């Protein structure tokens, strides 16, 4: 039985280039993309005097690594660049060199601004298109949830805002237009009082009696039911939304990342949109396709998405744009499924069971408070059934 020695060597024969596989995605990107355009992109942000800075190409390559591997934390990204050999090779660093820390990334982000980073990613898409990695005629749409870096303790009631129905000019126009008759009556009434020598004024000069402002009843003050996200907001992350996720317990604060991927051989991400987690995919899809078209310069001929995108307004958008939808047809709604169940399943009153088309029996398992009854068959009975997923 062998034992691994842990003695450290003083000198090493090590070649970083040999440790990165030839088919690695970072090698492919490095061969196709010429990153020299970054120098012209950020030249206005640097002075011609002073000490040399960190190479801006390295900074933007690190941003590209974070995008490709889903690393949004600058601290985490800086750590990964010092640990991952492929990352070090891509950045042009050797094993005895230290890559930039998180503070460099933070300062660069504040200096360059969001617009510069967006221009960088657009240029990357353009270079991939010129290299033949992007076709543009087919686009894949999808969205994923991104848990927000905020706790439930940060939730607070939104401040009520006064919604103005009219602008000041519109309000005055409506007041003058709708109260012409009242003005004429008041004018005539004042003239009559002046003729009679009477006045209804008090010591302050105001006419008439004071009227207490109308108070809303309890029913009016409650108003209509307000959705949770319209009522609550996180202090630390106001853009996050409360959602219920199937794979998690209860609710969580999250964002939603919407992505458009080109159908070309490289499967390049050509457009990204980030929204609160409560936003429906189908509502953001038109914007996503618009960004994809703008970045690639080509309107897709086909849009591929899951059944969550199968909404009327999105189908209308695709029809008007001349884009072929490839979206799965949603399952039939409950009433149609019940009609099909009654037609294909036979009820055995003696055993209180339903018999499926293949002769398997579903027995009563539970009765709920609302009166509905659960019938269930053993899972093994459905194995290999040709009707599975159809009925």
Protein backbone atom coordinates (compact mmCIF):
# COMPACT_ATOMS: atom_id res chain seq x y z
CA UNK A 1 0.00 0.00 0.00
CA UNK A 2 1.42 3.37 -1.01
CA UNK A 3 1.53 6.59 0.99
CA UNK A 4 1.56 10.09 -0.49
CA UNK A 5 4.49 12.18 0.60
CA UNK A 6 3.69 15.74 1.74
CA UNK A 7 7.21 17.18 1.53
CA UNK A 8 7.33 20.51 -0.29
CA UNK A 9 9.86 21.03 -3.06
CA UNK A 10 12.07 24.04 -3.33
CA UNK A 11 11.85 24.18 -7.14
CA UNK A 12 9.09 23.02 -9.45
CA UNK A 13 8.97 22.08 -13.14
CA UNK A 14 5.50 23.38 -13.93
CA UNK A 15 3.89 24.69 -17.12
CA UNK A 16 0.52 26.38 -16.62
CA UNK A 17 -0.34 26.16 -20.32
CA UNK A 18 -0.15 22.35 -20.17
CA UNK A 19 -2.66 22.22 -17.30
CA UNK A 20 -5.45 23.94 -19.26
CA UNK A 21 -7.23 21.47 -21.61
CA UNK A 22 -7.10 22.29 -25.31
CA UNK A 23 -10.90 22.15 -25.61
CA UNK A 24 -11.53 24.43 -22.62
CA UNK A 25 -14.06 27.20 -23.26
CA UNK A 26 -11.60 29.88 -22.13
CA UNK A 27 -9.11 28.73 -24.75
CA UNK A 28 -11.78 29.02 -27.43
CA UNK A 29 -12.71 32.53 -26.30
CA UNK A 30 -9.08 33.60 -26.15
CA UNK A 31 -8.51 32.39 -29.72
CA UNK A 32 -11.58 34.13 -31.14
CA UNK A 33 -11.80 37.41 -29.20
CA UNK A 34 -9.25 40.19 -29.53
CA UNK A 35 -9.45 42.10 -26.26
CA UNK A 36 -7.28 45.01 -27.44
CA UNK A 37 -10.43 47.11 -28.05
CA UNK A 38 -10.65 47.59 -24.28
CA UNK A 39 -7.75 50.07 -24.30
CA UNK A 40 -9.67 52.47 -26.56
CA UNK A 41 -12.85 51.86 -24.56
CA UNK A 42 -11.36 52.99 -21.22
CA UNK A 43 -8.70 55.46 -22.40
CA UNK A 44 -10.75 58.53 -21.29
CA UNK A 45 -10.68 57.26 -17.70
CA UNK A 46 -6.85 57.22 -17.39
CA UNK A 47 -4.28 59.95 -17.05
CA UNK A 48 -1.11 60.10 -19.17
CA UNK A 49 0.93 60.68 -15.99
CA UNK A 50 1.32 58.78 -12.74
CA UNK A 51 2.17 55.20 -11.81
CA UNK A 52 1.15 52.36 -14.16
CA UNK A 53 -2.22 50.85 -13.33
CA UNK A 54 -3.52 47.31 -13.45
CA UNK A 55 -4.03 46.30 -17.08
CA UNK A 56 -7.70 47.15 -17.86
CA UNK A 57 -7.88 44.05 -20.08
CA UNK A 58 -7.32 41.95 -16.95
CA UNK A 59 -10.12 43.78 -15.12
CA UNK A 60 -12.62 43.23 -17.92
CA UNK A 61 -11.52 39.63 -18.42
CA UNK A 62 -12.32 39.05 -14.75
CA UNK A 63 -15.76 40.59 -15.33
CA UNK A 64 -16.24 38.18 -18.25
CA UNK A 65 -15.25 35.24 -16.01
CA UNK A 66 -17.78 36.33 -13.42
CA UNK A 67 -20.45 36.51 -16.12
CA UNK A 68 -19.60 33.12 -17.65
CA UNK A 69 -19.50 31.29 -14.33
CA UNK A 70 -22.25 33.19 -12.51
CA UNK A 71 -20.01 34.80 -9.87
CA UNK A 72 -21.59 38.11 -8.85
CA UNK A 73 -19.54 38.73 -5.69
CA UNK A 74 -16.30 40.61 -6.41
CA UNK A 75 -14.62 39.05 -3.36
CA UNK A 76 -15.57 35.57 -4.51
CA UNK A 77 -14.42 36.33 -8.06
CA UNK A 78 -11.02 37.57 -6.87
CA UNK A 79 -10.57 34.40 -4.77
CA UNK A 80 -11.50 32.11 -7.67
CA UNK A 81 -9.04 33.87 -9.97
CA UNK A 82 -6.24 33.05 -7.53
CA UNK A 83 -7.28 29.40 -7.12
CA UNK A 84 -8.45 28.34 -10.59
CA UNK A 85 -5.58 27.52 -12.96
CA UNK A 86 -7.71 28.09 -16.07
CA UNK A 87 -8.72 31.53 -14.76
CA UNK A 88 -5.07 32.45 -14.12
CA UNK A 89 -4.10 31.31 -17.63
CA UNK A 90 -6.94 33.30 -19.19
CA UNK A 91 -5.88 36.46 -17.32
CA UNK A 92 -2.25 36.00 -18.38
CA UNK A 93 -0.91 35.39 -14.87
CA UNK A 94 1.56 32.70 -13.85
CA UNK A 95 1.39 30.66 -10.65
CA UNK A 96 3.91 32.90 -8.87
CA UNK A 97 1.91 36.07 -9.65
CA UNK A 98 -0.98 37.51 -7.65
CA UNK A 99 -4.08 38.51 -9.59
CA UNK A 100 -5.99 41.72 -8.65
CA UNK A 101 -7.96 41.69 -5.41
CA UNK A 102 -11.59 42.65 -4.94
CA UNK A 103 -10.84 46.31 -4.19
CA UNK A 104 -9.36 46.73 -7.68
CA UNK A 105 -12.57 45.37 -9.18
CA UNK A 106 -14.72 47.62 -7.00
CA UNK A 107 -12.74 50.77 -7.87
CA UNK A 108 -12.80 49.92 -11.58
CA UNK A 109 -16.55 49.37 -11.50
CA UNK A 110 -17.11 52.77 -9.88
CA UNK A 111 -14.68 54.49 -12.25
CA UNK A 112 -15.92 53.04 -15.54
CA UNK A 113 -19.63 52.91 -14.71
CA UNK A 114 -22.33 50.54 -15.88
CA UNK A 115 -22.46 51.91 -19.44
CA UNK A 116 -18.82 50.98 -20.10
CA UNK A 117 -19.35 47.40 -18.95
CA UNK A 118 -22.46 47.11 -21.12
CA UNK A 119 -20.48 48.37 -24.11
CA UNK A 120 -17.79 45.77 -23.34
CA UNK A 121 -20.26 42.88 -23.40
CA UNK A 122 -21.87 44.19 -26.60
CA UNK A 123 -18.45 44.28 -28.26
CA UNK A 124 -17.81 40.69 -27.15
CA UNK A 125 -21.07 39.64 -28.80
CA UNK A 126 -20.07 41.51 -31.97
CA UNK A 127 -16.68 39.77 -32.12
CA UNK A 128 -18.30 36.37 -31.61
CA UNK A 129 -20.70 37.18 -34.45
CA UNK A 130 -17.82 38.12 -36.76
CA UNK A 131 -16.10 34.84 -35.88
CA UNK A 132 -19.18 32.90 -36.99
CA UNK A 133 -20.17 31.77 -33.49
CA UNK A 134 -23.54 33.57 -33.64
CA UNK A 135 -26.17 32.81 -36.25
CA UNK A 136 -28.99 35.07 -35.03
CA UNK A 137 -31.85 33.20 -36.72
CA UNK A 138 -32.87 31.27 -33.61
CA UNK A 139 -33.05 32.46 -30.01
CA UNK A 140 -33.58 30.47 -26.81
CA UNK A 141 -35.34 32.26 -23.94
CA UNK A 142 -35.23 31.32 -20.29
CA UNK A 143 -35.13 32.82 -16.82
CA UNK A 144 -33.67 31.80 -13.49
CA UNK A 145 -34.11 33.03 -9.94
CA UNK A 146 -31.25 34.70 -8.12
CA UNK A 147 -31.59 34.85 -4.35
CA UNK A 148 -31.25 38.39 -3.07
CA UNK A 149 -28.63 39.31 -0.49
CA UNK A 150 -31.29 40.55 1.92
CA UNK A 151 -33.06 39.12 4.96
CA UNK A 152 -36.71 39.21 5.91
CA UNK A 153 -35.77 41.55 8.79
CA UNK A 154 -35.07 44.24 6.19
CA UNK A 155 -38.71 44.27 5.05
CA UNK A 156 -40.75 47.34 5.91
CA UNK A 157 -44.01 48.95 4.89
CA UNK A 158 -43.83 51.06 1.76
CA UNK A 159 -44.47 54.74 2.30
CA UNK A 160 -47.84 55.74 0.94
CA UNK A 161 -47.51 58.07 -2.01
CA UNK A 162 -50.14 60.55 -3.07
CA UNK A 163 -51.04 59.75 -6.67
CA UNK A 164 -51.88 62.96 -8.51
CA UNK A 165 -54.67 62.47 -11.00
CA UNK A 166 -54.13 65.76 -12.82
CA UNK A 167 -51.36 68.25 -13.39
CA UNK A 168 -51.92 71.70 -11.80
CA UNK A 169 -52.98 73.18 -15.17
CA UNK A 170 -55.38 70.31 -15.89
CA UNK A 171 -56.86 70.52 -12.42
CA UNK A 172 -57.52 74.26 -12.67
CA UNK A 173 -59.02 73.87 -16.14
CA UNK A 174 -61.42 71.19 -14.89
CA UNK A 175 -62.35 73.22 -11.81
CA UNK A 176 -63.17 76.29 -13.89
CA UNK A 177 -65.01 74.26 -16.53
CA UNK A 178 -67.11 72.14 -14.16
CA UNK A 179 -68.07 74.94 -11.77
CA UNK A 180 -69.36 77.61 -14.14
CA UNK A 181 -72.96 77.27 -12.91
CA UNK A 182 -71.90 77.40 -9.25
CA UNK A 183 -69.87 80.52 -9.92
CA UNK A 184 -72.84 82.25 -11.57
CA UNK A 185 -75.12 81.28 -8.66
CA UNK A 186 -72.60 82.51 -6.06
CA UNK A 187 -72.21 85.77 -7.96
CA UNK A 188 -76.00 86.30 -8.09
CA UNK A 189 -76.37 85.34 -4.41
CA UNK A 190 -73.68 87.82 -3.35
CA UNK A 191 -75.32 90.57 -5.38
CA UNK A 192 -78.69 89.93 -3.71
CA UNK A 193 -77.15 90.03 -0.23
CA UNK A 194 -75.37 93.27 -1.03
CA UNK A 195 -78.64 94.80 -2.18
CA UNK A 196 -80.41 93.72 1.02
CA UNK A 197 -77.58 94.93 3.25
CA UNK A 198 -77.05 91.54 4.82
CA UNK A 199 -73.84 89.67 5.26
CA UNK A 200 -73.20 86.15 6.33
CA UNK A 201 -69.53 86.79 7.01
CA UNK A 202 -67.82 86.05 10.30
CA UNK A 203 -65.00 88.02 11.89
CA UNK A 204 -62.42 86.39 9.66
CA UNK A 205 -64.16 87.49 6.47
CA UNK A 206 -65.11 83.99 5.33
CA UNK A 207 -68.73 83.38 4.35
CA UNK A 208 -70.87 80.43 5.39
CA UNK A 209 -70.28 77.89 8.14
CA UNK A 210 -67.21 75.77 8.72
CA UNK A 211 -67.53 72.22 7.47
CA UNK A 212 -65.46 69.43 8.97
CA UNK A 213 -63.55 67.47 6.29
CA UNK A 214 -65.13 64.19 5.31
CA UNK A 215 -63.77 61.23 7.19
CA UNK A 216 -63.41 57.87 5.49
CA UNK A 217 -65.38 55.02 6.92
CA UNK A 218 -63.57 51.94 8.18
CA UNK A 219 -64.56 50.11 5.02
CA UNK A 220 -63.17 52.89 2.80
CA UNK A 221 -59.95 53.17 4.80
CA UNK A 222 -59.23 49.50 4.38
CA UNK A 223 -59.69 49.73 0.63
CA UNK A 224 -58.91 46.90 -1.72
CA UNK A 225 -56.46 44.16 -0.80
CA UNK A 226 -52.89 45.17 -1.63
CA UNK A 227 -50.41 42.60 -2.92
CA UNK A 228 -47.48 41.79 -0.64
CA UNK A 229 -44.82 43.22 -2.97
CA UNK A 230 -46.84 46.43 -3.30
CA UNK A 231 -47.03 46.73 0.48
CA UNK A 232 -43.56 45.56 1.59
CA UNK A 233 -40.07 46.55 0.44
CA UNK A 234 -36.57 45.58 1.55
CA UNK A 235 -34.44 48.41 2.94
CA UNK A 236 -31.18 46.79 1.79
CA UNK A 237 -32.39 45.60 -1.63
CA UNK A 238 -35.49 47.52 -2.79
CA UNK A 239 -35.44 45.81 -6.21
CA UNK A 240 -35.89 42.32 -4.74
CA UNK A 241 -39.35 40.76 -4.61
CA UNK A 242 -41.02 38.22 -2.35
CA UNK A 243 -41.81 35.02 -4.21
CA UNK A 244 -42.88 31.46 -3.48
CA UNK A 245 -40.62 28.86 -5.05
CA UNK A 246 -41.50 25.21 -5.56
CA UNK A 247 -38.08 23.99 -4.46
CA UNK A 248 -37.91 26.07 -1.29
CA UNK A 249 -39.85 26.30 1.92
CA UNK A 250 -42.07 29.32 2.29
CA UNK A 251 -41.03 32.51 0.51
CA UNK A 252 -37.75 34.18 -0.35
CA UNK A 253 -36.47 37.52 -1.60
CA UNK A 254 -35.15 37.14 -5.12
CA UNK A 255 -34.36 38.68 -8.46
CA UNK A 256 -35.01 37.05 -11.83
CA UNK A 257 -32.38 36.90 -14.56
CA UNK A 258 -33.84 36.66 -18.07
CA UNK A 259 -31.44 35.40 -20.74
CA UNK A 260 -31.57 35.20 -24.55
CA UNK A 261 -29.15 32.61 -25.97
CA UNK A 262 -28.29 32.48 -29.65
CA UNK A 263 -28.96 29.22 -31.48
CA UNK A 264 -25.50 29.20 -33.07
CA UNK A 265 -22.80 26.62 -32.29
CA UNK A 266 -21.31 28.70 -29.47
CA UNK A 267 -24.67 29.16 -27.66
CA UNK A 268 -23.68 32.75 -26.85
CA UNK A 269 -25.75 34.80 -24.44
CA UNK A 270 -26.70 37.84 -26.48
CA UNK A 271 -29.10 39.61 -24.14
CA UNK A 272 -29.72 39.74 -20.40
CA UNK A 273 -32.42 41.49 -18.38
CA UNK A 274 -32.68 41.51 -14.57
CA UNK A 275 -36.03 42.13 -12.88
CA UNK A 276 -37.61 41.55 -9.47
CA UNK A 277 -38.36 37.87 -8.90
CA UNK A 278 -42.10 38.36 -9.27
CA UNK A 279 -41.91 39.42 -12.93
CA UNK A 280 -43.40 36.91 -15.39
CA UNK A 281 -41.07 35.63 -18.11
CA UNK A 282 -43.56 36.29 -20.91
CA UNK A 283 -43.81 39.99 -20.02
CA UNK A 284 -40.03 40.50 -20.26
CA UNK A 285 -39.54 38.34 -23.37
CA UNK A 286 -40.35 41.09 -25.95
CA UNK A 287 -37.74 43.37 -24.37
CA UNK A 288 -35.24 40.50 -24.36
CA UNK A 289 -35.79 39.76 -28.05
CA UNK A 290 -35.42 43.48 -28.79
CA UNK A 291 -32.04 43.54 -27.03
CA UNK A 292 -30.97 40.37 -28.83
CA UNK A 293 -31.87 41.93 -32.19
CA UNK A 294 -30.04 45.15 -31.35
CA UNK A 295 -26.88 43.37 -30.17
CA UNK A 296 -26.68 40.88 -33.04
CA UNK A 297 -28.15 43.06 -35.77
CA UNK A 298 -30.47 40.24 -36.80
CA UNK A 299 -34.14 39.62 -36.02
CA UNK A 300 -34.54 35.94 -35.05
CA UNK A 301 -36.74 33.74 -37.20
CA UNK A 302 -37.64 31.41 -34.34
CA UNK A 303 -38.04 31.81 -30.57
CA UNK A 304 -37.69 28.70 -28.39
CA UNK A 305 -38.99 28.79 -24.81
CA UNK A 306 -40.74 26.69 -22.18
CA UNK A 307 -44.49 26.67 -21.53
CA UNK A 308 -44.19 29.57 -19.08
CA UNK A 309 -43.84 31.86 -22.10
CA UNK A 310 -47.08 30.63 -23.66
CA UNK A 311 -49.15 33.76 -23.06
CA UNK A 312 -51.51 35.54 -25.43
CA UNK A 313 -49.69 38.87 -25.49
CA UNK A 314 -46.35 37.19 -26.22
CA UNK A 315 -47.85 35.16 -29.06
CA UNK A 316 -49.28 38.41 -30.47
CA UNK A 317 -45.86 40.05 -30.28
CA UNK A 318 -44.21 37.13 -32.10
CA UNK A 319 -46.91 37.16 -34.79
CA UNK A 320 -46.49 40.88 -35.44
CA UNK A 321 -42.69 40.51 -35.55
CA UNK A 322 -42.88 37.51 -37.91
CA UNK A 323 -41.11 35.18 -35.46
CA UNK A 324 -42.03 31.50 -35.31
CA UNK A 325 -42.86 30.41 -31.71
CA UNK A 326 -41.55 27.04 -30.50
CA UNK A 327 -43.32 26.86 -27.14
CA UNK A 328 -44.83 23.67 -25.64
CA UNK A 329 -48.59 23.61 -25.46
CA UNK A 330 -49.72 23.90 -21.81
CA UNK A 331 -51.59 21.07 -20.15
CA UNK A 332 -55.37 21.20 -20.60
CA UNK A 333 -57.14 23.04 -17.86
CA UNK A 334 -58.91 21.24 -15.05
CA UNK A 335 -62.41 20.98 -16.55
CA UNK A 336 -61.17 19.29 -19.73
CA UNK A 337 -58.99 16.93 -17.70
CA UNK A 338 -61.99 15.95 -15.57
CA UNK A 339 -64.08 15.24 -18.67
CA UNK A 340 -61.30 13.05 -20.07
CA UNK A 341 -60.91 11.29 -16.71
CA UNK A 342 -64.63 10.47 -16.52
CA UNK A 343 -64.54 9.10 -20.07
CA UNK A 344 -61.44 6.89 -19.70
CA UNK A 345 -61.64 5.70 -16.07
CA UNK A 346 -64.33 3.32 -14.82
CA UNK A 347 -65.61 3.55 -11.24
CA UNK A 348 -65.98 0.31 -9.26
CA UNK A 349 -68.66 1.08 -6.68
CA UNK A 350 -68.17 -2.21 -4.82
CA UNK A 351 -64.46 -1.60 -4.07
CA UNK A 352 -64.71 2.22 -4.19
CA UNK A 353 -61.93 2.36 -6.77
CA UNK A 354 -61.28 3.71 -10.26
CA UNK A 355 -59.98 1.41 -12.99
CA UNK A 356 -57.63 2.90 -15.58
CA UNK A 357 -57.62 1.86 -19.29
CA UNK A 358 -54.93 -0.75 -18.51
CA UNK A 359 -56.97 -2.34 -15.72
CA UNK A 360 -55.01 -0.93 -12.76
CA UNK A 361 -57.08 0.12 -9.75
CA UNK A 362 -56.85 3.44 -7.93
CA UNK A 363 -58.09 3.20 -4.35
CA UNK A 364 -59.45 5.93 -2.08
CA UNK A 365 -56.62 7.31 0.05
CA UNK A 366 -57.89 10.53 1.61
CA UNK A 367 -60.92 12.82 1.84
CA UNK A 368 -60.33 16.56 2.20
CA UNK A 369 -62.39 19.13 4.09
CA UNK A 370 -63.68 20.66 0.84
CA UNK A 371 -65.20 17.32 -0.13
CA UNK A 372 -62.65 16.30 -2.78
CA UNK A 373 -61.34 12.74 -2.63
CA UNK A 374 -57.85 11.47 -3.43
CA UNK A 375 -57.52 8.16 -5.31
CA UNK A 376 -54.04 6.79 -5.82
CA UNK A 377 -52.38 3.86 -7.56
CA UNK A 378 -49.02 2.34 -6.67
CA UNK A 379 -46.19 3.99 -8.57
CA UNK A 380 -44.87 0.69 -9.94
CA UNK A 381 -48.21 0.09 -11.69
CA UNK A 382 -47.59 3.08 -13.99
CA UNK A 383 -44.06 2.03 -14.96
CA UNK A 384 -43.80 1.68 -18.73
CA UNK A 385 -47.45 2.68 -19.27
CA UNK A 386 -48.00 4.15 -22.76
CA UNK A 387 -50.74 6.42 -21.37
CA UNK A 388 -48.43 8.02 -18.79
CA UNK A 389 -48.40 11.78 -19.25
CA UNK A 390 -51.26 11.59 -21.76
CA UNK A 391 -54.31 10.96 -19.55
